[in-house]
Amino acid sequence: MMKKFFISLMLLPFLSAAQDTPQVLRLNDYYQLVSQYHPVAKQAVLIRARGEASVSEARGAFDPKLVSDYDAKQFEDKNYFDIWDSYVEVPTLLNVDLKAGYERNSGIFLNPERNVPNDGLYYAGVSVPVGEGLFVNERAIGLKKGKLTQEELAVESELVLNNLFLDANYAYWNWYEASEKLTIVRSNLDLVRIRFEGIRQGVLNGENAAIDSVETLIQVQQWTNYYQKAIVDFENSKLLMENFLWEEEVDLSSVRPANGLESQITSLQFYSDFANTSHPDLRRLSIQGAKLDLDKRLNAEQIKPTINLNYNLLLSENNNLESTSFLSNNYKAGIDFSFPLLVRKERAKLKMTKLKRQENDLKINQKRRVVNNKVNQAYNKTIQVREMINQQQQMIENYQLMLDGERIKFDNGESSIFLINSRENKKLDAELKLIDLISEYGRTIGSLKWSSGILQNEITNAL
């Protein structure tokens, strides 16, 4: 009981109270419920977490490394050699490797170059690339690509949410349409049933013709069928809504949708500008282009020769650090050089990366055209549907005037039940068409915001 009480308190902001039951579940509150509880929304959070892990993985290339090598040989009671070398290696962002260690070797057949003092030998050194890797190196590029991967996965998370909310939008307006139609059909069925009973009593009393009761009975039968269909459509719409409402305390039987005309839009320029600068698809392609630029820099760097300068200062326990000359005594130094003569592999990789970058630019141009056209299409449809709604509302008012006039004529004996039913059916058809248009209006607004990429942005910022 206590759990349900707290959950009910939590859901109070989402369910705005009407004057009487059922309460109203507004579209934005529905979006927030989807964002908090839907498994796909939780999946979007995990996608972002993967991005954070990618940066941590890239930073791992700069982790200090502890290494210890031990090698020994004993044969016929002779100690051929004992070789022990332990050191700490620290990679840096500038591609300069720092190294410090301790070496202790012994044995009757020890290689002379491995001879060290009896107490061992300490050393500290540095390795500096002066060719390939001097300005651009794989570790630094990897870290930058890791950060771009984090951004890319964040954009992928936005895409997942954008698509989720579009599907949720469709379900909501399908529910709205079914709910409103059920209300209208049920009310009209109650009305024609009452009318049928009145006319039937009039026929029995000799006040009405028998054919009038047949006319109203047909109306009852027709709207009973409409009512059965409306019930099925409404129940199916609730099932579709339940695909997105994972909070069990939300009972769709005790809430109703909000008026579909509450949603509003801004200018076409606003949606076009947002799409061009912030649409997730365009941002993802842009990030992929930035990754290719990093690959191109690294491939160009690999065409250079590899030249590494190595220097190690050697110290024993008997050495005085202050009297030691770094360049004239007690050091080990060297240089590593390598360069492929034809450089075919490196040049091919660079060319391939440039071609991929060109392909990506073409994808961006094509995607931008598609996105802008979708935004324009959705915006045009939204404006058109809104105008149709205004026209439909005026039509309903005019149908009501004609129905009222027909009823007056009937009271004066100048009309018939058939004509009244005809006028009512016209008006009811117009009201059902209005519900269709309002639902379509809500869906087109959702489509407009989805196509511009702003749908998920609005919802997540509202949380």
Protein backbone atom coordinates (compact mmCIF):
# COMPACT_ATOMS: atom_id res chain seq x y z
CA MET A 1 0.00 0.00 0.00
CA MET A 2 2.79 2.42 0.86
CA LYS A 3 4.49 1.76 -2.51
CA LYS A 4 1.30 2.55 -4.41
CA PHE A 5 0.87 5.72 -2.35
CA PHE A 6 4.30 7.05 -3.32
CA ILE A 7 3.83 6.07 -6.96
CA SER A 8 0.51 7.91 -6.98
CA LEU A 9 2.21 11.01 -5.61
CA MET A 10 4.86 10.73 -8.30
CA LEU A 11 2.22 10.52 -11.04
CA LEU A 12 0.24 13.54 -9.85
CA PRO A 13 2.14 15.99 -12.13
CA PHE A 14 1.36 13.79 -15.12
CA LEU A 15 -2.38 13.54 -14.53
CA SER A 16 -3.99 16.98 -14.50
CA ALA A 17 -7.35 16.91 -12.83
CA ALA A 18 -10.50 17.74 -14.74
CA GLN A 19 -13.75 18.85 -13.12
CA ASP A 20 -14.81 15.23 -12.89
CA THR A 21 -13.34 11.85 -13.67
CA PRO A 22 -11.69 10.68 -15.80
CA GLN A 23 -8.55 12.78 -15.52
CA VAL A 24 -6.59 14.19 -18.45
CA LEU A 25 -3.32 12.66 -19.63
CA ARG A 26 -1.63 15.43 -21.63
CA LEU A 27 0.75 14.68 -24.45
CA ASN A 28 3.84 16.18 -22.78
CA ASP A 29 3.14 14.30 -19.55
CA TYR A 30 2.69 11.12 -21.57
CA TYR A 31 6.06 11.76 -23.25
CA GLN A 32 7.70 12.10 -19.84
CA LEU A 33 6.25 8.79 -18.68
CA VAL A 34 7.60 7.16 -21.83
CA SER A 35 11.00 8.79 -21.29
CA GLN A 36 11.25 7.59 -17.69
CA TYR A 37 9.93 4.04 -17.90
CA HIS A 38 10.11 2.71 -21.47
CA PRO A 39 12.87 0.10 -22.04
CA VAL A 40 14.02 1.81 -25.24
CA ALA A 41 14.43 5.09 -23.32
CA LYS A 42 16.56 3.22 -20.78
CA GLN A 43 18.50 1.71 -23.66
CA ALA A 44 19.28 5.25 -24.82
CA VAL A 45 20.85 5.94 -21.41
CA LEU A 46 23.02 2.82 -21.80
CA ILE A 47 24.14 4.00 -25.24
CA ARG A 48 25.42 7.21 -23.65
CA ALA A 49 27.22 5.16 -21.00
CA ARG A 50 28.98 3.28 -23.80
CA GLY A 51 30.29 6.63 -25.01
CA GLU A 52 31.82 7.37 -21.62
CA ALA A 53 33.44 3.93 -21.67
CA SER A 54 34.97 4.62 -25.09
CA VAL A 55 36.77 7.68 -23.69
CA SER A 56 38.05 5.67 -20.72
CA GLU A 57 39.32 3.02 -23.13
CA ALA A 58 41.20 5.65 -25.16
CA ARG A 59 42.72 7.13 -21.99
CA GLY A 60 44.04 3.67 -21.17
CA ALA A 61 46.76 4.18 -23.80
CA PHE A 62 48.37 6.67 -21.37
CA ASP A 63 48.30 4.39 -18.34
CA PRO A 64 51.73 3.75 -16.74
CA LYS A 65 52.93 0.20 -17.22
CA LEU A 66 54.95 -1.89 -14.76
CA VAL A 67 57.12 -4.52 -16.44
CA SER A 68 59.37 -7.15 -14.87
CA ASP A 69 61.48 -9.63 -16.87
CA TYR A 70 63.36 -12.52 -15.25
CA ASP A 71 65.41 -15.10 -17.11
CA ALA A 72 67.69 -17.75 -15.54
CA LYS A 73 69.71 -20.79 -16.63
CA GLN A 74 71.19 -23.54 -14.41
CA PHE A 75 73.06 -26.49 -15.92
CA GLU A 76 75.32 -29.10 -14.28
CA ASP A 77 75.42 -27.16 -11.02
CA LYS A 78 76.56 -24.06 -12.83
CA ASN A 79 74.74 -20.74 -12.73
CA TYR A 80 74.91 -19.74 -16.37
CA PHE A 81 73.01 -16.48 -15.82
CA ASP A 82 70.34 -14.73 -13.81
CA ILE A 83 68.84 -11.72 -15.63
CA TRP A 84 66.32 -9.50 -13.90
CA ASP A 85 65.02 -6.24 -15.31
CA SER A 86 62.08 -4.31 -13.81
CA TYR A 87 60.90 -0.91 -14.92
CA VAL A 88 57.98 1.53 -15.07
CA GLU A 89 57.07 3.03 -18.44
CA VAL A 90 54.93 6.18 -18.67
CA PRO A 91 53.43 7.15 -22.06
CA THR A 92 52.63 10.85 -22.55
CA LEU A 93 50.29 12.82 -24.79
CA LEU A 94 53.31 14.25 -26.66
CA ASN A 95 54.37 10.72 -27.63
CA VAL A 96 57.45 10.97 -25.41
CA ASP A 97 57.88 7.82 -23.31
CA LEU A 98 59.44 8.07 -19.86
CA LYS A 99 61.09 5.03 -18.33
CA ALA A 100 62.68 4.21 -14.95
CA GLY A 101 63.87 0.84 -13.74
CA TYR A 102 66.29 -1.43 -11.95
CA GLU A 103 68.47 -4.12 -13.50
CA ARG A 104 70.41 -6.86 -11.70
CA ASN A 105 72.27 -9.60 -13.55
CA SER A 106 74.79 -12.32 -12.63
CA GLY A 107 76.23 -15.60 -13.91
CA ILE A 108 79.45 -17.14 -15.23
CA PHE A 109 78.24 -17.09 -18.81
CA LEU A 110 76.48 -13.72 -18.67
CA ASN A 111 76.73 -11.70 -21.86
CA PRO A 112 79.32 -8.97 -21.15
CA GLU A 113 76.96 -6.21 -22.26
CA ARG A 114 74.68 -7.21 -19.40
CA ASN A 115 77.32 -6.83 -16.71
CA VAL A 116 76.15 -4.52 -13.92
CA PRO A 117 77.49 -3.74 -10.42
CA ASN A 118 76.87 -6.38 -7.75
CA ASP A 119 74.18 -4.24 -6.16
CA GLY A 120 72.43 -3.76 -9.50
CA LEU A 121 71.96 -0.76 -11.76
CA TYR A 122 69.28 1.92 -11.72
CA TYR A 123 68.35 3.75 -14.85
CA ALA A 124 65.98 6.49 -16.00
CA GLY A 125 65.43 7.39 -19.59
CA VAL A 126 63.32 8.93 -22.30
CA SER A 127 62.35 8.00 -25.86
CA VAL A 128 61.58 10.89 -28.22
CA PRO A 129 60.28 10.50 -31.81
CA VAL A 130 61.74 13.11 -34.16
CA GLY A 131 60.21 11.69 -37.35
CA GLU A 132 56.84 9.99 -37.47
CA GLY A 133 54.80 10.78 -34.36
CA LEU A 134 56.54 14.02 -33.46
CA PHE A 135 53.42 16.18 -33.96
CA VAL A 136 50.72 13.57 -34.63
CA ASN A 137 50.70 10.20 -32.92
CA GLU A 138 48.35 7.26 -32.64
CA ARG A 139 47.73 7.63 -28.91
CA ALA A 140 46.66 11.28 -29.12
CA ILE A 141 44.53 10.58 -32.20
CA GLY A 142 42.96 7.63 -30.41
CA LEU A 143 41.97 9.85 -27.48
CA LYS A 144 40.39 12.43 -29.80
CA LYS A 145 38.53 9.69 -31.65
CA GLY A 146 37.35 8.29 -28.32
CA LYS A 147 35.82 11.66 -27.45
CA LEU A 148 34.21 11.84 -30.89
CA THR A 149 32.84 8.33 -30.35
CA GLN A 150 31.30 9.56 -27.12
CA GLU A 151 29.60 12.38 -29.03
CA GLU A 152 28.52 9.97 -31.75
CA LEU A 153 26.91 7.60 -29.26
CA ALA A 154 25.18 10.54 -27.58
CA VAL A 155 23.72 11.46 -30.98
CA GLU A 156 22.71 7.82 -31.53
CA SER A 157 20.91 7.98 -28.19
CA GLU A 158 19.05 11.08 -29.42
CA LEU A 159 18.07 9.24 -32.61
CA VAL A 160 16.69 6.33 -30.60
CA LEU A 161 14.62 8.70 -28.47
CA ASN A 162 13.47 10.73 -31.47
CA ASN A 163 12.11 7.59 -33.15
CA LEU A 164 10.60 6.31 -29.91
CA PHE A 165 8.69 9.54 -29.31
CA LEU A 166 7.44 9.58 -32.91
CA ASP A 167 5.94 6.11 -32.42
CA ALA A 168 4.56 7.18 -29.04
CA ASN A 169 3.03 10.25 -30.69
CA TYR A 170 1.21 8.06 -33.20
CA ALA A 171 -0.13 5.83 -30.41
CA TYR A 172 -1.37 8.83 -28.41
CA TRP A 173 -3.32 10.37 -31.28
CA ASN A 174 -4.70 6.98 -32.27
CA TRP A 175 -5.96 6.69 -28.70
CA TYR A 176 -7.37 10.23 -28.84
CA GLU A 177 -9.19 9.49 -32.10
CA ALA A 178 -10.68 6.23 -30.81
CA SER A 179 -11.65 7.77 -27.46
CA GLU A 180 -13.40 10.81 -28.96
CA LYS A 181 -15.21 8.76 -31.59
CA LEU A 182 -16.41 6.31 -28.93
CA THR A 183 -17.83 9.22 -26.91
CA ILE A 184 -19.70 10.66 -29.90
CA VAL A 185 -21.02 7.32 -31.12
CA ARG A 186 -22.16 6.30 -27.63
CA SER A 187 -23.97 9.60 -27.11
CA ASN A 188 -25.69 9.38 -30.48
CA LEU A 189 -26.69 5.77 -29.88
CA ASP A 190 -28.30 6.78 -26.58
CA LEU A 191 -30.11 9.58 -28.40
CA VAL A 192 -31.51 7.40 -31.22
CA ARG A 193 -32.56 4.74 -28.71
CA ILE A 194 -34.57 7.31 -26.75
CA ARG A 195 -36.06 8.62 -29.97
CA PHE A 196 -36.96 5.10 -31.10
CA GLU A 197 -38.76 4.41 -27.84
CA GLY A 198 -40.68 7.68 -28.13
CA ILE A 199 -41.73 7.05 -31.73
CA ARG A 200 -42.63 3.44 -30.94
CA GLN A 201 -44.92 4.65 -28.19
CA GLY A 202 -46.35 7.18 -30.66
CA VAL A 203 -47.05 4.39 -33.14
CA LEU A 204 -48.77 2.36 -30.43
CA ASN A 205 -50.83 5.41 -29.50
CA GLY A 206 -51.68 6.13 -33.13
CA GLU A 207 -49.77 9.43 -33.15
CA ASN A 208 -47.02 8.33 -35.61
CA ALA A 209 -46.91 6.24 -38.74
CA ALA A 210 -45.48 2.74 -38.42
CA ILE A 211 -42.86 3.52 -41.04
CA ASP A 212 -41.36 6.13 -38.69
CA SER A 213 -40.55 3.42 -36.15
CA VAL A 214 -38.86 1.36 -38.88
CA GLU A 215 -36.75 4.40 -39.83
CA THR A 216 -35.59 4.98 -36.26
CA LEU A 217 -35.02 1.27 -35.69
CA ILE A 218 -32.65 1.24 -38.67
CA GLN A 219 -30.82 4.16 -37.05
CA VAL A 220 -30.53 2.22 -33.78
CA GLN A 221 -29.21 -0.84 -35.59
CA GLN A 222 -26.76 1.21 -37.66
CA TRP A 223 -25.34 3.12 -34.69
CA THR A 224 -25.20 -0.05 -32.61
CA ASN A 225 -22.81 -1.45 -35.22
CA TYR A 226 -20.86 1.81 -35.17
CA TYR A 227 -20.70 1.57 -31.40
CA GLN A 228 -19.38 -2.00 -31.45
CA LYS A 229 -16.67 -0.98 -33.91
CA ALA A 230 -15.82 2.08 -31.80
CA ILE A 231 -15.39 -0.12 -28.72
CA VAL A 232 -13.01 -2.46 -30.55
CA ASP A 233 -11.02 0.48 -31.95
CA PHE A 234 -10.79 2.06 -28.51
CA GLU A 235 -9.65 -1.14 -26.81
CA ASN A 236 -7.03 -1.69 -29.52
CA SER A 237 -5.84 1.89 -29.15
CA LYS A 238 -5.33 1.30 -25.41
CA LEU A 239 -3.28 -1.81 -26.18
CA LEU A 240 -1.12 0.24 -28.51
CA MET A 241 -0.70 2.87 -25.81
CA GLU A 242 0.33 0.19 -23.33
CA ASN A 243 3.32 -0.55 -25.56
CA PHE A 244 4.69 2.81 -24.41
CA LEU A 245 3.29 3.14 -20.87
CA TRP A 246 5.36 0.84 -18.67
CA GLU A 247 4.23 2.41 -15.40
CA GLU A 248 1.59 -0.02 -14.12
CA GLU A 249 -0.17 2.60 -11.99
CA VAL A 250 -1.36 4.43 -15.12
CA ASP A 251 -4.83 3.05 -15.89
CA LEU A 252 -5.98 4.19 -19.32
CA SER A 253 -9.56 3.41 -18.35
CA SER A 254 -9.49 6.22 -15.77
CA VAL A 255 -7.83 8.91 -17.90
CA ARG A 256 -8.69 10.61 -21.16
CA PRO A 257 -6.56 12.36 -23.79
CA ALA A 258 -6.23 16.13 -23.94
CA ASN A 259 -7.70 18.32 -26.67
CA GLY A 260 -5.72 17.84 -29.85
CA LEU A 261 -5.60 21.55 -30.67
CA GLU A 262 -3.42 22.39 -27.67
CA SER A 263 -0.22 21.67 -29.62
CA GLN A 264 1.16 24.60 -31.57
CA ILE A 265 4.04 25.16 -34.01
CA THR A 266 6.40 28.02 -34.78
CA SER A 267 7.79 29.20 -38.11
CA LEU A 268 9.17 26.99 -40.85
CA GLN A 269 12.50 28.83 -40.60
CA PHE A 270 12.84 27.77 -36.97
CA TYR A 271 12.49 24.07 -37.78
CA SER A 272 14.73 24.32 -40.86
CA ASP A 273 17.48 26.10 -38.92
CA PHE A 274 17.33 23.55 -36.12
CA ALA A 275 17.44 20.67 -38.59
CA ASN A 276 20.48 22.07 -40.41
CA THR A 277 22.45 22.68 -37.22
CA SER A 278 21.26 20.03 -34.77
CA HIS A 279 19.53 17.16 -36.56
CA PRO A 280 20.97 13.91 -35.11
CA ASP A 281 21.53 12.31 -38.54
CA LEU A 282 23.50 15.32 -39.79
CA ARG A 283 25.47 15.59 -36.56
CA ARG A 284 26.36 11.90 -36.69
CA LEU A 285 27.67 12.25 -40.26
CA SER A 286 29.59 15.35 -39.21
CA ILE A 287 31.23 13.44 -36.36
CA GLN A 288 32.11 10.60 -38.72
CA GLY A 289 33.73 13.20 -41.00
CA ALA A 290 35.76 14.54 -38.09
CA LYS A 291 36.95 10.99 -37.34
CA LEU A 292 38.05 10.59 -40.95
CA ASP A 293 39.95 13.87 -40.71
CA LEU A 294 41.86 12.46 -37.74
CA ASP A 295 42.57 9.26 -39.68
CA LYS A 296 43.81 11.35 -42.60
CA ARG A 297 46.23 13.25 -40.34
CA LEU A 298 47.51 9.99 -38.88
CA ASN A 299 47.90 8.38 -42.32
CA ALA A 300 49.81 11.42 -43.58
CA GLU A 301 52.08 11.22 -40.55
CA GLN A 302 52.83 7.55 -41.23
CA ILE A 303 54.43 8.47 -44.56
CA LYS A 304 57.31 10.06 -42.60
CA PRO A 305 60.30 7.93 -41.53
CA THR A 306 60.37 6.53 -38.02
CA ILE A 307 63.22 8.07 -36.01
CA ASN A 308 63.31 7.52 -32.26
CA LEU A 309 66.01 8.96 -29.99
CA ASN A 310 66.58 6.92 -26.82
CA TYR A 311 68.56 8.04 -23.78
CA ASN A 312 68.97 6.31 -20.41
CA LEU A 313 70.90 7.64 -17.43
CA LEU A 314 72.63 4.81 -15.53
CA LEU A 315 73.15 4.92 -11.76
CA SER A 316 74.52 2.47 -9.23
CA GLU A 317 74.41 2.82 -5.48
CA ASN A 318 78.03 4.04 -5.50
CA ASN A 319 77.37 6.84 -8.01
CA ASN A 320 76.92 10.45 -6.97
CA LEU A 321 74.12 11.94 -9.02
CA GLU A 322 75.55 15.47 -8.73
CA SER A 323 78.91 14.44 -10.19
CA THR A 324 77.45 12.35 -12.99
CA SER A 325 77.61 13.78 -16.48
CA PHE A 326 74.52 12.96 -18.54
CA LEU A 327 76.40 13.07 -21.84
CA SER A 328 79.97 11.95 -21.11
CA ASN A 329 79.57 8.99 -18.75
CA ASN A 330 77.09 6.51 -17.25
CA TYR A 331 74.48 6.54 -19.98
CA LYS A 332 73.04 4.36 -22.68
CA ALA A 333 71.78 6.02 -25.85
CA GLY A 334 70.64 5.01 -29.29
CA ILE A 335 68.60 5.85 -32.33
CA ASP A 336 66.00 3.76 -34.19
CA PHE A 337 65.34 4.42 -37.86
CA SER A 338 62.98 2.76 -40.30
CA PHE A 339 61.36 3.80 -43.55
CA PRO A 340 59.60 1.74 -46.25
CA LEU A 341 61.23 2.55 -49.58
CA LEU A 342 58.08 2.52 -51.72
CA VAL A 343 55.57 3.69 -49.06
CA ARG A 344 52.76 2.04 -51.02
CA LYS A 345 50.81 0.84 -48.01
CA GLU A 346 50.89 4.22 -46.26
CA ARG A 347 49.99 6.20 -49.40
CA ALA A 348 47.13 3.78 -50.17
CA LYS A 349 45.73 4.18 -46.66
CA LEU A 350 45.89 7.96 -46.99
CA LYS A 351 44.16 7.89 -50.37
CA MET A 352 41.47 5.55 -49.08
CA THR A 353 40.79 7.85 -46.13
CA LYS A 354 40.49 10.86 -48.44
CA LEU A 355 38.00 8.97 -50.61
CA LYS A 356 35.96 8.01 -47.55
CA ARG A 357 35.93 11.66 -46.50
CA GLN A 358 34.58 12.67 -49.90
CA GLU A 359 31.91 9.97 -49.67
CA ASN A 360 30.93 11.27 -46.24
CA ASP A 361 30.61 14.83 -47.58
CA LEU A 362 28.27 13.57 -50.29
CA LYS A 363 26.22 11.71 -47.67
CA ILE A 364 25.93 14.92 -45.65
CA ASN A 365 24.70 16.89 -48.67
CA GLN A 366 22.20 14.19 -49.58
CA LYS A 367 20.96 13.80 -46.00
CA ARG A 368 20.60 17.57 -45.59
CA ARG A 369 18.44 17.72 -48.72
CA VAL A 370 16.26 14.84 -47.49
CA VAL A 371 15.90 16.31 -44.00
CA ASN A 372 14.94 19.76 -45.28
CA ASN A 373 12.41 18.31 -47.71
CA LYS A 374 10.83 16.24 -44.93
CA VAL A 375 10.62 19.33 -42.73
CA ASN A 376 8.97 21.31 -45.54
CA GLN A 377 6.53 18.49 -46.30
CA ALA A 378 5.53 18.08 -42.66
CA TYR A 379 5.18 21.83 -42.16
CA ASN A 380 3.02 22.25 -45.28
CA LYS A 381 0.80 19.37 -44.20
CA THR A 382 0.45 20.82 -40.70
CA ILE A 383 -0.68 24.19 -42.06
CA GLN A 384 -3.08 22.50 -44.48
CA VAL A 385 -4.64 20.27 -41.80
CA ARG A 386 -5.07 23.26 -39.48
CA GLU A 387 -6.96 25.14 -42.19
CA MET A 388 -9.10 22.07 -42.84
CA ILE A 389 -9.92 21.91 -39.13
CA ASN A 390 -11.14 25.50 -39.20
CA GLN A 391 -13.31 24.75 -42.24
CA GLN A 392 -14.65 21.58 -40.65
CA GLN A 393 -15.63 23.44 -37.47
CA GLN A 394 -17.58 25.94 -39.57
CA MET A 395 -19.24 23.08 -41.45
CA ILE A 396 -20.38 21.53 -38.15
CA GLU A 397 -21.90 24.85 -37.10
CA ASN A 398 -23.76 25.06 -40.41
CA TYR A 399 -24.95 21.45 -40.12
CA GLN A 400 -26.25 22.29 -36.65
CA LEU A 401 -28.20 25.24 -38.07
CA MET A 402 -29.74 23.00 -40.73
CA LEU A 403 -30.61 20.36 -38.14
CA ASP A 404 -32.23 22.93 -35.87
CA GLY A 405 -34.25 24.23 -38.82
CA GLU A 406 -35.35 20.74 -39.78
CA ARG A 407 -36.53 20.09 -36.24
CA ILE A 408 -38.61 23.26 -36.29
CA LYS A 409 -40.14 22.18 -39.59
CA PHE A 410 -40.86 18.74 -38.11
CA ASP A 411 -42.62 20.31 -35.12
CA ASN A 412 -44.76 22.27 -37.62
CA GLY A 413 -45.58 19.09 -39.56
CA GLU A 414 -43.52 20.13 -42.57
CA SER A 415 -40.73 17.51 -42.30
CA SER A 416 -40.16 13.86 -41.43
CA ILE A 417 -38.06 11.59 -39.25
CA PHE A 418 -36.15 10.56 -42.35
CA LEU A 419 -34.99 14.14 -43.01
CA ILE A 420 -34.09 14.72 -39.37
CA ASN A 421 -32.04 11.53 -39.32
CA SER A 422 -30.35 12.58 -42.55
CA ARG A 423 -29.45 15.99 -41.07
CA GLU A 424 -28.16 14.36 -37.87
CA ASN A 425 -26.07 11.83 -39.79
CA LYS A 426 -24.50 14.63 -41.82
CA LYS A 427 -23.62 16.52 -38.67
CA LEU A 428 -22.27 13.41 -36.93
CA ASP A 429 -20.19 12.49 -39.96
CA ALA A 430 -18.75 16.01 -39.89
CA GLU A 431 -17.94 15.68 -36.17
CA LEU A 432 -16.20 12.33 -36.76
CA LYS A 433 -14.27 13.89 -39.64
CA LEU A 434 -13.21 16.70 -37.31
CA ILE A 435 -11.82 14.13 -34.87
CA ASP A 436 -9.88 12.55 -37.75
CA LEU A 437 -8.44 15.95 -38.67
CA ILE A 438 -7.49 16.85 -35.09
CA SER A 439 -5.75 13.49 -34.72
CA GLU A 440 -3.98 14.01 -38.03
CA TYR A 441 -2.98 17.49 -36.86
CA GLY A 442 -1.35 16.03 -33.74
CA ARG A 443 0.44 13.40 -35.80
CA THR A 444 1.73 15.92 -38.33
CA ILE A 445 3.10 18.14 -35.55
CA GLY A 446 4.89 15.10 -34.17
CA SER A 447 6.19 14.28 -37.64
CA LEU A 448 7.36 17.89 -38.12
CA LYS A 449 9.28 17.89 -34.86
CA TRP A 450 10.66 14.42 -35.56
CA SER A 451 11.84 15.33 -39.07
CA SER A 452 13.63 18.42 -37.75
CA GLY A 453 15.14 16.44 -34.85
CA ILE A 454 13.66 18.71 -32.20
CA LEU A 455 11.12 16.21 -30.79
CA GLN A 456 13.44 14.42 -28.37
CA ASN A 457 15.22 17.70 -27.60
CA GLU A 458 12.03 19.35 -26.36
CA ILE A 459 11.04 16.36 -24.25
CA THR A 460 14.43 15.71 -22.61
CA ASN A 461 14.84 19.43 -21.82
CA ALA A 462 11.43 19.39 -20.13
CA LEU A 463 12.46 16.61 -17.74
